[in-house]
N, C-alpha and C. Protein backbone atom coordinates (compact mmCIF):
# COMPACT_ATOMS: atom_id res chain seq x y z
N MET A 1 13.12 3.88 108.98
CA MET A 1 13.54 5.24 108.72
C MET A 1 13.49 6.09 109.99
N ILE A 2 12.46 5.85 110.80
CA ILE A 2 12.33 6.61 112.04
C ILE A 2 13.50 6.30 112.97
N GLN A 3 13.92 5.03 113.01
CA GLN A 3 15.06 4.66 113.87
C GLN A 3 16.34 5.34 113.40
N ALA A 4 16.52 5.45 112.09
CA ALA A 4 17.72 6.10 111.56
C ALA A 4 17.73 7.58 111.93
N VAL A 5 16.60 8.24 111.80
CA VAL A 5 16.50 9.65 112.16
C VAL A 5 16.71 9.84 113.66
N ALA A 6 16.12 8.94 114.46
CA ALA A 6 16.30 9.02 115.91
C ALA A 6 17.77 8.80 116.27
N GLY A 7 18.42 7.84 115.63
CA GLY A 7 19.84 7.59 115.87
C GLY A 7 20.70 8.79 115.50
N LEU A 8 20.38 9.42 114.37
CA LEU A 8 21.10 10.62 113.96
C LEU A 8 20.91 11.74 114.98
N GLY A 9 19.68 11.89 115.45
CA GLY A 9 19.40 12.93 116.45
C GLY A 9 20.14 12.70 117.75
N VAL A 10 20.16 11.46 118.20
CA VAL A 10 20.89 11.13 119.43
C VAL A 10 22.39 11.35 119.22
N GLY A 11 22.90 10.96 118.06
CA GLY A 11 24.31 11.17 117.76
C GLY A 11 24.69 12.64 117.76
N ILE A 12 23.84 13.47 117.18
CA ILE A 12 24.10 14.92 117.18
C ILE A 12 24.05 15.46 118.61
N LEU A 13 23.10 15.00 119.39
CA LEU A 13 23.00 15.44 120.78
C LEU A 13 24.23 15.04 121.59
N VAL A 14 24.72 13.81 121.40
CA VAL A 14 25.93 13.36 122.09
C VAL A 14 27.13 14.19 121.63
N GLY A 15 27.19 14.49 120.34
CA GLY A 15 28.28 15.33 119.82
C GLY A 15 28.28 16.71 120.43
N ILE A 16 27.10 17.29 120.59
CA ILE A 16 26.99 18.60 121.23
C ILE A 16 27.44 18.52 122.68
N CYS A 17 27.02 17.46 123.37
CA CYS A 17 27.44 17.27 124.77
C CYS A 17 28.96 17.11 124.86
N LEU A 18 29.55 16.35 123.94
CA LEU A 18 31.01 16.18 123.93
C LEU A 18 31.70 17.53 123.69
N TYR A 19 31.14 18.31 122.79
CA TYR A 19 31.72 19.62 122.49
C TYR A 19 31.63 20.55 123.69
N LEU A 20 30.45 20.62 124.29
CA LEU A 20 30.26 21.51 125.43
C LEU A 20 31.10 21.08 126.64
N ALA A 21 31.33 19.77 126.78
CA ALA A 21 32.16 19.26 127.87
C ALA A 21 33.65 19.33 127.55
N LYS A 22 33.97 19.88 126.38
CA LYS A 22 35.35 20.03 125.92
C LYS A 22 36.08 18.69 125.78
N MET A 23 35.35 17.65 125.42
CA MET A 23 35.93 16.32 125.27
C MET A 23 36.46 16.07 123.86
N LEU A 24 36.26 17.02 122.94
CA LEU A 24 36.73 16.83 121.57
C LEU A 24 38.16 17.32 121.37
N LYS A 25 38.77 17.81 122.43
CA LYS A 25 40.14 18.30 122.33
C LYS A 25 41.11 17.12 122.33
N TYR A 26 42.10 17.24 121.48
CA TYR A 26 43.11 16.19 121.35
C TYR A 26 43.81 15.94 122.68
N ASP A 27 44.09 17.00 123.42
CA ASP A 27 44.79 16.85 124.71
C ASP A 27 43.97 16.03 125.70
N GLU A 28 42.65 16.18 125.67
CA GLU A 28 41.78 15.39 126.56
C GLU A 28 41.84 13.91 126.16
N GLN A 29 41.80 13.66 124.86
CA GLN A 29 41.84 12.28 124.36
C GLN A 29 43.15 11.60 124.77
N VAL A 30 44.27 12.24 124.47
CA VAL A 30 45.57 11.65 124.78
C VAL A 30 45.78 11.59 126.29
N GLY A 31 45.32 12.60 127.00
CA GLY A 31 45.44 12.60 128.45
C GLY A 31 44.73 11.42 129.09
N SER A 32 43.60 11.01 128.51
CA SER A 32 42.89 9.85 129.05
C SER A 32 43.64 8.56 128.73
N MET A 33 44.34 8.54 127.59
CA MET A 33 45.09 7.33 127.22
C MET A 33 46.28 7.08 128.15
N ILE A 34 46.86 8.14 128.67
CA ILE A 34 48.02 7.98 129.53
C ILE A 34 47.65 8.19 131.01
N PHE A 35 46.36 8.15 131.30
CA PHE A 35 45.83 8.24 132.67
C PHE A 35 46.23 9.51 133.40
N LYS A 36 46.29 10.62 132.66
CA LYS A 36 46.57 11.92 133.28
C LYS A 36 45.29 12.74 133.44
N ARG A 37 44.35 12.56 132.54
CA ARG A 37 43.07 13.28 132.58
C ARG A 37 41.95 12.25 132.47
N MET A 38 41.12 12.22 133.45
CA MET A 38 40.06 11.21 133.49
C MET A 38 38.68 11.77 133.17
N ALA A 39 38.60 13.01 132.72
CA ALA A 39 37.30 13.61 132.42
C ALA A 39 36.57 12.84 131.32
N LEU A 40 37.30 12.41 130.29
CA LEU A 40 36.67 11.68 129.19
C LEU A 40 36.14 10.33 129.66
N LEU A 41 36.90 9.64 130.46
CA LEU A 41 36.45 8.35 130.99
C LEU A 41 35.22 8.54 131.86
N LYS A 42 35.23 9.57 132.68
CA LYS A 42 34.06 9.87 133.51
C LYS A 42 32.84 10.17 132.65
N PHE A 43 33.05 10.91 131.57
CA PHE A 43 31.95 11.24 130.65
C PHE A 43 31.36 9.96 130.05
N TYR A 44 32.23 9.09 129.55
CA TYR A 44 31.75 7.86 128.93
C TYR A 44 31.13 6.90 129.94
N MET A 45 31.70 6.84 131.14
CA MET A 45 31.11 5.98 132.15
C MET A 45 29.73 6.48 132.55
N GLY A 46 29.58 7.79 132.64
CA GLY A 46 28.27 8.37 132.92
C GLY A 46 27.27 8.06 131.82
N ALA A 47 27.72 8.13 130.56
CA ALA A 47 26.85 7.82 129.43
C ALA A 47 26.45 6.35 129.43
N GLN A 48 27.41 5.47 129.73
CA GLN A 48 27.11 4.03 129.80
C GLN A 48 26.11 3.73 130.90
N LEU A 49 26.33 4.32 132.05
CA LEU A 49 25.44 4.09 133.18
C LEU A 49 24.04 4.61 132.88
N THR A 50 23.95 5.78 132.26
CA THR A 50 22.64 6.32 131.88
C THR A 50 21.93 5.39 130.90
N SER A 51 22.67 4.88 129.93
CA SER A 51 22.07 3.95 128.95
C SER A 51 21.61 2.67 129.62
N LEU A 52 22.45 2.11 130.48
CA LEU A 52 22.10 0.87 131.15
C LEU A 52 20.86 1.03 132.03
N LEU A 53 20.82 2.11 132.81
CA LEU A 53 19.66 2.34 133.67
C LEU A 53 18.40 2.65 132.86
N SER A 54 18.56 3.40 131.76
CA SER A 54 17.41 3.70 130.91
C SER A 54 16.85 2.44 130.26
N LEU A 55 17.75 1.59 129.74
CA LEU A 55 17.29 0.34 129.14
C LEU A 55 16.61 -0.56 130.17
N THR A 56 17.16 -0.58 131.37
CA THR A 56 16.56 -1.39 132.43
C THR A 56 15.16 -0.88 132.76
N ALA A 57 15.03 0.44 132.90
CA ALA A 57 13.72 1.02 133.23
C ALA A 57 12.72 0.77 132.10
N LEU A 58 13.14 0.97 130.86
CA LEU A 58 12.24 0.75 129.72
C LEU A 58 11.86 -0.72 129.60
N ARG A 59 12.79 -1.60 129.92
CA ARG A 59 12.50 -3.05 129.89
C ARG A 59 11.49 -3.41 130.97
N LEU A 60 11.67 -2.86 132.19
CA LEU A 60 10.74 -3.15 133.29
C LEU A 60 9.35 -2.61 133.01
N LEU A 61 9.28 -1.47 132.31
CA LEU A 61 7.98 -0.88 131.97
C LEU A 61 7.32 -1.55 130.78
N GLY A 62 8.04 -2.46 130.13
CA GLY A 62 7.49 -3.18 128.99
C GLY A 62 7.51 -2.40 127.69
N VAL A 63 8.26 -1.29 127.65
CA VAL A 63 8.33 -0.47 126.45
C VAL A 63 9.21 -1.13 125.39
N ILE A 64 10.29 -1.77 125.82
CA ILE A 64 11.20 -2.45 124.89
C ILE A 64 11.44 -3.87 125.38
N ASP A 65 11.93 -4.69 124.48
CA ASP A 65 12.29 -6.06 124.83
C ASP A 65 13.79 -6.21 124.59
N VAL A 66 14.52 -6.49 125.64
CA VAL A 66 15.97 -6.65 125.56
C VAL A 66 16.30 -8.10 125.86
N SER A 67 17.00 -8.75 124.94
CA SER A 67 17.45 -10.10 125.20
C SER A 67 18.78 -10.32 124.50
N PHE A 68 19.65 -11.05 125.16
CA PHE A 68 20.95 -11.37 124.63
C PHE A 68 21.06 -12.88 124.57
N SER A 69 21.26 -13.41 123.38
CA SER A 69 21.27 -14.86 123.26
C SER A 69 22.67 -15.45 123.47
N ALA A 70 23.68 -14.84 122.89
CA ALA A 70 25.03 -15.39 123.01
C ALA A 70 26.04 -14.27 122.90
N PHE A 71 27.20 -14.51 123.45
CA PHE A 71 28.26 -13.51 123.45
C PHE A 71 29.56 -14.22 123.10
N ASN A 72 30.27 -13.69 122.13
CA ASN A 72 31.53 -14.28 121.70
C ASN A 72 32.68 -13.45 122.27
N TRP A 73 33.35 -13.99 123.26
CA TRP A 73 34.42 -13.27 123.94
C TRP A 73 35.58 -12.97 123.01
N LEU A 74 35.91 -13.89 122.12
CA LEU A 74 37.03 -13.68 121.22
C LEU A 74 36.78 -12.47 120.31
N ASN A 75 35.59 -12.39 119.74
CA ASN A 75 35.26 -11.25 118.89
C ASN A 75 35.32 -9.95 119.67
N ALA A 76 34.83 -9.96 120.91
CA ALA A 76 34.84 -8.75 121.73
C ALA A 76 36.27 -8.31 122.06
N ILE A 77 37.13 -9.26 122.37
CA ILE A 77 38.51 -8.93 122.72
C ILE A 77 39.25 -8.41 121.49
N LEU A 78 39.12 -9.09 120.36
CA LEU A 78 39.79 -8.63 119.14
C LEU A 78 39.26 -7.27 118.70
N GLY A 79 37.96 -7.09 118.74
CA GLY A 79 37.38 -5.80 118.38
C GLY A 79 37.84 -4.68 119.30
N GLY A 80 37.93 -4.97 120.60
CA GLY A 80 38.41 -3.98 121.55
C GLY A 80 39.86 -3.61 121.32
N LEU A 81 40.68 -4.60 120.96
CA LEU A 81 42.09 -4.32 120.67
C LEU A 81 42.24 -3.44 119.42
N VAL A 82 41.49 -3.75 118.38
CA VAL A 82 41.55 -2.94 117.16
C VAL A 82 41.05 -1.53 117.44
N PHE A 83 39.94 -1.42 118.18
CA PHE A 83 39.38 -0.12 118.53
C PHE A 83 40.39 0.69 119.35
N GLY A 84 40.97 0.08 120.37
CA GLY A 84 41.93 0.77 121.23
C GLY A 84 43.18 1.18 120.48
N PHE A 85 43.66 0.31 119.59
CA PHE A 85 44.85 0.63 118.79
C PHE A 85 44.58 1.85 117.91
N GLY A 86 43.42 1.84 117.24
CA GLY A 86 43.07 2.98 116.38
C GLY A 86 42.91 4.26 117.17
N TRP A 87 42.28 4.18 118.33
CA TRP A 87 42.09 5.35 119.18
C TRP A 87 43.43 5.89 119.66
N GLY A 88 44.31 4.98 120.06
CA GLY A 88 45.63 5.40 120.52
C GLY A 88 46.47 6.03 119.41
N MET A 89 46.38 5.48 118.20
CA MET A 89 47.16 6.01 117.08
C MET A 89 46.66 7.38 116.65
N LEU A 90 45.34 7.53 116.57
CA LEU A 90 44.76 8.77 116.05
C LEU A 90 44.54 9.80 117.15
N GLY A 91 44.19 9.35 118.33
CA GLY A 91 43.86 10.28 119.39
C GLY A 91 42.38 10.60 119.44
N TYR A 92 41.59 9.91 118.64
CA TYR A 92 40.13 10.09 118.64
C TYR A 92 39.47 8.73 118.53
N CYS A 93 38.36 8.56 119.23
CA CYS A 93 37.51 7.38 118.99
C CYS A 93 36.54 7.77 117.88
N PRO A 94 35.74 6.85 117.35
CA PRO A 94 34.84 7.20 116.25
C PRO A 94 33.87 8.35 116.58
N GLY A 95 33.36 8.37 117.80
CA GLY A 95 32.43 9.45 118.16
C GLY A 95 33.10 10.80 118.23
N THR A 96 34.25 10.86 118.88
CA THR A 96 34.95 12.14 118.97
C THR A 96 35.60 12.52 117.64
N CYS A 97 35.88 11.53 116.81
CA CYS A 97 36.39 11.81 115.46
C CYS A 97 35.33 12.56 114.65
N SER A 98 34.09 12.09 114.73
CA SER A 98 32.99 12.77 114.04
C SER A 98 32.78 14.17 114.61
N GLY A 99 32.89 14.28 115.93
CA GLY A 99 32.76 15.59 116.55
C GLY A 99 33.87 16.53 116.14
N ALA A 100 35.09 16.00 116.01
CA ALA A 100 36.22 16.82 115.58
C ALA A 100 35.99 17.34 114.16
N ILE A 101 35.47 16.49 113.29
CA ILE A 101 35.16 16.92 111.92
C ILE A 101 34.09 18.01 111.97
N GLY A 102 33.08 17.81 112.82
CA GLY A 102 32.00 18.79 112.95
C GLY A 102 32.47 20.14 113.46
N THR A 103 33.57 20.16 114.21
CA THR A 103 34.10 21.43 114.73
C THR A 103 35.20 21.99 113.83
N GLY A 104 35.44 21.32 112.69
CA GLY A 104 36.37 21.86 111.70
C GLY A 104 37.81 21.41 111.85
N LYS A 105 38.07 20.38 112.64
CA LYS A 105 39.44 19.88 112.81
C LYS A 105 39.75 18.90 111.68
N VAL A 106 40.80 19.20 110.94
CA VAL A 106 41.16 18.41 109.75
C VAL A 106 41.62 17.00 110.12
N ASP A 107 42.28 16.84 111.27
CA ASP A 107 42.81 15.52 111.61
C ASP A 107 41.69 14.49 111.81
N GLY A 108 40.48 14.93 112.10
CA GLY A 108 39.36 14.01 112.22
C GLY A 108 39.01 13.33 110.91
N ILE A 109 39.30 14.01 109.79
CA ILE A 109 39.01 13.44 108.47
C ILE A 109 39.84 12.17 108.24
N PHE A 110 41.09 12.19 108.68
CA PHE A 110 41.94 11.00 108.52
C PHE A 110 41.42 9.84 109.36
N GLY A 111 40.90 10.17 110.53
CA GLY A 111 40.29 9.13 111.35
C GLY A 111 39.07 8.54 110.68
N ALA A 112 38.25 9.39 110.07
CA ALA A 112 37.06 8.91 109.37
C ALA A 112 37.45 8.02 108.18
N LEU A 113 38.50 8.40 107.47
CA LEU A 113 38.97 7.56 106.36
C LEU A 113 39.46 6.21 106.88
N GLY A 114 40.17 6.23 108.01
CA GLY A 114 40.62 4.97 108.62
C GLY A 114 39.45 4.10 109.05
N ILE A 115 38.41 4.71 109.59
CA ILE A 115 37.21 3.97 109.98
C ILE A 115 36.57 3.32 108.76
N MET A 116 36.50 4.07 107.65
CA MET A 116 35.90 3.52 106.43
C MET A 116 36.72 2.36 105.88
N VAL A 117 38.03 2.52 105.84
CA VAL A 117 38.90 1.45 105.34
C VAL A 117 38.80 0.22 106.25
N GLY A 118 38.82 0.44 107.56
CA GLY A 118 38.69 -0.66 108.50
C GLY A 118 37.36 -1.38 108.37
N SER A 119 36.30 -0.62 108.16
CA SER A 119 34.98 -1.23 107.98
C SER A 119 34.92 -2.05 106.70
N LEU A 120 35.54 -1.54 105.64
CA LEU A 120 35.58 -2.28 104.37
C LEU A 120 36.39 -3.57 104.53
N LEU A 121 37.53 -3.50 105.20
CA LEU A 121 38.33 -4.70 105.44
C LEU A 121 37.57 -5.72 106.28
N PHE A 122 36.86 -5.25 107.29
CA PHE A 122 36.07 -6.15 108.11
C PHE A 122 34.98 -6.83 107.28
N ALA A 123 34.30 -6.05 106.43
CA ALA A 123 33.24 -6.62 105.59
C ALA A 123 33.79 -7.68 104.65
N VAL A 124 34.97 -7.44 104.10
CA VAL A 124 35.58 -8.39 103.19
C VAL A 124 36.01 -9.66 103.93
N CYS A 125 36.55 -9.49 105.13
CA CYS A 125 37.08 -10.63 105.89
C CYS A 125 36.04 -11.29 106.79
N TYR A 126 34.85 -10.73 106.90
CA TYR A 126 33.85 -11.24 107.84
C TYR A 126 33.52 -12.72 107.66
N PRO A 127 33.33 -13.21 106.43
CA PRO A 127 33.01 -14.63 106.29
C PRO A 127 34.07 -15.56 106.93
N VAL A 128 35.34 -15.19 106.80
CA VAL A 128 36.40 -16.00 107.38
C VAL A 128 36.35 -15.91 108.90
N PHE A 129 36.23 -14.68 109.42
CA PHE A 129 36.20 -14.48 110.87
C PHE A 129 35.01 -15.18 111.51
N SER A 130 33.85 -15.04 110.88
CA SER A 130 32.65 -15.60 111.50
C SER A 130 32.67 -17.12 111.52
N SER A 131 33.17 -17.74 110.45
CA SER A 131 33.21 -19.21 110.44
C SER A 131 34.26 -19.73 111.42
N TYR A 132 35.36 -19.00 111.59
CA TYR A 132 36.41 -19.43 112.50
C TYR A 132 36.01 -19.24 113.96
N SER A 133 35.45 -18.07 114.27
CA SER A 133 35.19 -17.76 115.67
C SER A 133 33.84 -18.26 116.16
N LYS A 134 33.01 -18.79 115.26
CA LYS A 134 31.69 -19.26 115.66
C LYS A 134 31.78 -20.38 116.69
N ASN A 135 32.78 -21.21 116.57
CA ASN A 135 32.91 -22.36 117.46
C ASN A 135 33.81 -22.11 118.66
N LEU A 136 34.23 -20.87 118.85
CA LEU A 136 35.14 -20.55 119.94
C LEU A 136 34.47 -19.68 121.00
N VAL A 137 34.66 -19.98 122.22
CA VAL A 137 34.39 -19.13 123.37
C VAL A 137 33.05 -18.40 123.32
N VAL A 138 32.03 -19.05 122.87
CA VAL A 138 30.69 -18.44 122.88
C VAL A 138 30.00 -18.88 124.16
N THR A 139 29.46 -17.90 124.87
CA THR A 139 28.76 -18.21 126.11
C THR A 139 27.36 -17.62 126.04
N LYS A 140 26.47 -18.27 126.72
CA LYS A 140 25.11 -17.75 126.85
C LYS A 140 25.09 -16.80 128.04
N ILE A 141 24.55 -15.62 127.83
CA ILE A 141 24.40 -14.70 128.94
C ILE A 141 22.93 -14.39 129.11
N GLY A 142 22.36 -14.81 130.20
CA GLY A 142 20.93 -14.66 130.41
C GLY A 142 20.58 -13.42 131.20
N VAL A 143 20.90 -12.24 130.65
CA VAL A 143 20.59 -11.00 131.36
C VAL A 143 19.31 -10.36 130.86
N SER A 144 18.51 -11.08 130.09
CA SER A 144 17.27 -10.49 129.62
C SER A 144 16.20 -10.52 130.71
N ASP A 145 16.41 -11.33 131.74
CA ASP A 145 15.49 -11.36 132.87
C ASP A 145 15.58 -10.03 133.61
N PRO A 146 14.44 -9.37 133.88
CA PRO A 146 14.46 -8.05 134.52
C PRO A 146 15.21 -8.02 135.85
N PHE A 147 15.10 -9.07 136.65
CA PHE A 147 15.80 -9.09 137.93
C PHE A 147 17.30 -8.99 137.74
N TRP A 148 17.86 -9.80 136.84
CA TRP A 148 19.30 -9.80 136.63
C TRP A 148 19.75 -8.53 135.93
N LEU A 149 18.90 -7.95 135.10
CA LEU A 149 19.22 -6.68 134.47
C LEU A 149 19.33 -5.58 135.52
N CYS A 150 18.44 -5.60 136.51
CA CYS A 150 18.51 -4.63 137.62
C CYS A 150 19.78 -4.85 138.45
N ILE A 151 20.09 -6.10 138.74
CA ILE A 151 21.29 -6.42 139.51
C ILE A 151 22.53 -5.94 138.76
N LEU A 152 22.57 -6.20 137.45
CA LEU A 152 23.70 -5.75 136.63
C LEU A 152 23.81 -4.23 136.66
N SER A 153 22.70 -3.53 136.54
CA SER A 153 22.71 -2.07 136.57
C SER A 153 23.25 -1.55 137.89
N LEU A 154 22.79 -2.11 138.98
CA LEU A 154 23.26 -1.68 140.30
C LEU A 154 24.74 -2.00 140.49
N ALA A 155 25.19 -3.15 140.01
CA ALA A 155 26.60 -3.53 140.13
C ALA A 155 27.50 -2.57 139.35
N VAL A 156 27.08 -2.23 138.14
CA VAL A 156 27.86 -1.30 137.33
C VAL A 156 27.88 0.08 137.99
N ALA A 157 26.74 0.53 138.51
CA ALA A 157 26.68 1.82 139.19
C ALA A 157 27.63 1.83 140.39
N PHE A 158 27.62 0.78 141.17
CA PHE A 158 28.50 0.68 142.34
C PHE A 158 29.97 0.68 141.91
N LEU A 159 30.30 -0.08 140.88
CA LEU A 159 31.67 -0.13 140.38
C LEU A 159 32.13 1.24 139.91
N TYR A 160 31.28 1.95 139.17
CA TYR A 160 31.64 3.28 138.69
C TYR A 160 31.84 4.25 139.84
N LEU A 161 31.02 4.16 140.88
CA LEU A 161 31.21 5.02 142.05
C LEU A 161 32.55 4.76 142.72
N LEU A 162 32.94 3.50 142.81
CA LEU A 162 34.26 3.18 143.37
C LEU A 162 35.39 3.75 142.51
N ILE A 163 35.26 3.61 141.20
CA ILE A 163 36.29 4.13 140.30
C ILE A 163 36.37 5.65 140.41
N PHE A 164 35.22 6.34 140.46
CA PHE A 164 35.22 7.79 140.62
C PHE A 164 35.90 8.20 141.92
N ARG A 165 35.67 7.42 142.97
CA ARG A 165 36.29 7.71 144.27
C ARG A 165 37.82 7.64 144.17
N VAL A 166 38.33 6.64 143.46
CA VAL A 166 39.77 6.52 143.27
C VAL A 166 40.29 7.71 142.47
N PHE A 167 39.56 8.13 141.44
CA PHE A 167 39.96 9.29 140.65
C PHE A 167 40.05 10.54 141.52
N GLU A 168 39.07 10.71 142.38
CA GLU A 168 39.06 11.90 143.24
C GLU A 168 40.23 11.89 144.23
N ARG A 169 40.55 10.73 144.76
CA ARG A 169 41.67 10.64 145.72
C ARG A 169 43.01 10.98 145.06
N HIS A 170 43.13 10.67 143.78
CA HIS A 170 44.40 10.92 143.09
C HIS A 170 44.33 12.16 142.19
N ASN A 171 43.29 12.97 142.38
CA ASN A 171 43.10 14.21 141.61
C ASN A 171 43.16 14.00 140.10
N LEU A 172 42.50 12.97 139.62
CA LEU A 172 42.48 12.69 138.18
C LEU A 172 41.20 13.20 137.55
C-alpha cells in the first residue's frame, strides 16, 4: 500500500512538473513528433537520467537491490511501436494524457479510453504473446553489478549531452 501511495505521489509530482514546464500542450507533443520542438524530449531525457543516476546511487549505498535477469528485444520493439503509434495518433503519451485530463482537456479522456482498451486487449492476448515470444531473442543483461551500472549511467549522461549539443546547434 505504501508503494502505491508513493507511486501516486511521484506521478502527481511529475504531472505538476509537466504542467509547469508547459509540456502538456498539444503543440509541444506534436512538435516533438515532427522534430520541430525538442523541449519535451529534453524533459524526458532529463527525467530518465535523473532516475538512472538515482537508482545507481541508491544501489551503491545498499538502499535498494536492482537486478535484471533477462530482456526480450522482440517485446520491447513491439511495445515501443504500439506506444509510438498511439502517441502519434493521439498527440499524448500516457503521462501527458493523464496530465491533460487533470488540466481539463477533453481530448485526454479519449486517450485514457484507448489506454484502457489497449491494456484489456494485451491482457486477453498475453498468454499467446508470452508463449510465442518466450523463445525468441531473449538476452541476459548483467547490469546489476554496481560497476557496470555506473558505467551505463555515465554513458547515458554523455550520450544525452551530445544530443543536447546537437539540439542547441540547430536551435531545437
